[in-house]
Amino acid sequence: GWASQLTSGEVWVQFNDGSQLVVQAGVSCITYTSPEGRITRYKENEKLPEHVKEKLHCLSTILGLLANPSARHLPTH
């Protein structure tokens, strides 16, 4: 997939399965769009479905890459 940081500060990620995740720094709200186009907004204290948790885990890596552009090309082993 691919990620983009919008001018609003939001980070938008489109995954290879067609789903999307939008998060904004400082705002405890996640917007998830399923591959079928269904949009769900999760607030801070809501229990997240497992598939959304997995995508959030990917997001932490993506945020690190956006914060440190020189690390975008990870070394291959």
Protein backbone atom coordinates (compact mmCIF):
# COMPACT_ATOMS: atom_id res chain seq x y z
CA GLY A 1 0.00 0.00 0.00
CA TRP A 2 0.98 3.62 0.34
CA ALA A 3 0.75 6.44 2.85
CA SER A 4 0.44 10.19 2.68
CA GLN A 5 0.57 12.93 5.27
CA LEU A 6 -2.08 15.51 4.48
CA THR A 7 -1.66 19.25 5.09
CA SER A 8 -4.24 18.94 7.89
CA GLY A 9 -1.77 16.71 9.74
CA GLU A 10 -3.78 13.56 9.12
CA VAL A 11 -2.00 10.45 7.94
CA TRP A 12 -3.87 8.51 5.29
CA VAL A 13 -2.89 4.94 4.47
CA GLN A 14 -4.27 2.88 1.62
CA PHE A 15 -3.57 -0.83 2.00
CA ASN A 16 -3.15 -3.33 -0.82
CA ASP A 17 -6.51 -4.95 0.06
CA GLY A 18 -8.27 -1.67 -0.76
CA SER A 19 -8.95 -0.67 2.84
CA GLN A 20 -7.94 2.75 4.16
CA LEU A 21 -7.03 4.15 7.56
CA VAL A 22 -6.95 7.83 8.51
CA VAL A 23 -5.56 9.07 11.82
CA GLN A 24 -4.80 12.55 13.04
CA ALA A 25 -2.08 13.43 15.53
CA GLY A 26 -3.53 14.56 18.84
CA VAL A 27 -7.02 13.34 18.00
CA SER A 28 -8.07 10.01 19.46
CA CYS A 29 -10.20 8.99 16.52
CA ILE A 30 -9.53 6.53 13.72
CA THR A 31 -11.44 6.38 10.45
CA TYR A 32 -11.38 2.96 8.80
CA THR A 33 -12.72 2.30 5.31
CA SER A 34 -13.23 -1.36 4.45
CA PRO A 35 -12.30 -2.77 1.03
CA GLU A 36 -16.05 -2.62 0.24
CA GLY A 37 -16.16 1.11 1.02
CA ARG A 38 -17.87 0.98 4.44
CA ILE A 39 -16.59 3.79 6.67
CA THR A 40 -16.35 3.25 10.43
CA ARG A 41 -15.08 5.79 12.96
CA TYR A 42 -13.60 4.53 16.20
CA LYS A 43 -13.18 6.73 19.26
CA GLU A 44 -10.45 6.48 21.87
CA ASN A 45 -12.14 4.03 24.25
CA GLU A 46 -13.80 1.77 21.68
CA LYS A 47 -12.66 -1.82 21.27
CA LEU A 48 -11.06 -2.19 17.85
CA PRO A 49 -11.65 -5.25 15.67
CA GLU A 50 -8.55 -7.40 15.19
CA HIS A 51 -8.13 -6.48 11.49
CA VAL A 52 -8.08 -2.76 12.39
CA LYS A 53 -5.54 -3.40 15.17
CA GLU A 54 -3.27 -5.16 12.66
CA LYS A 55 -3.42 -2.18 10.31
CA LEU A 56 -2.70 0.21 13.18
CA HIS A 57 0.38 -1.83 13.98
CA CYS A 58 1.59 -1.20 10.41
CA LEU A 59 0.80 2.47 10.88
CA SER A 60 3.35 2.86 13.68
CA THR A 61 6.09 1.81 11.23
CA ILE A 62 4.70 4.14 8.56
CA LEU A 63 4.66 7.09 10.97
CA GLY A 64 8.29 6.43 11.82
CA LEU A 65 9.18 6.55 8.12
CA LEU A 66 7.23 9.77 7.58
CA ALA A 67 8.96 11.36 10.56
CA ASN A 68 12.41 10.31 9.34
CA PRO A 69 12.54 10.52 5.52
CA SER A 70 16.17 9.38 5.39
CA ALA A 71 15.07 5.98 6.74
CA ARG A 72 12.63 5.29 3.90
CA HIS A 73 14.98 2.89 2.20
CA LEU A 74 15.44 0.17 4.76
CA PRO A 75 18.53 -1.99 4.34
CA THR A 76 17.91 -5.45 2.92
CA HIS A 77 19.34 -8.47 4.68
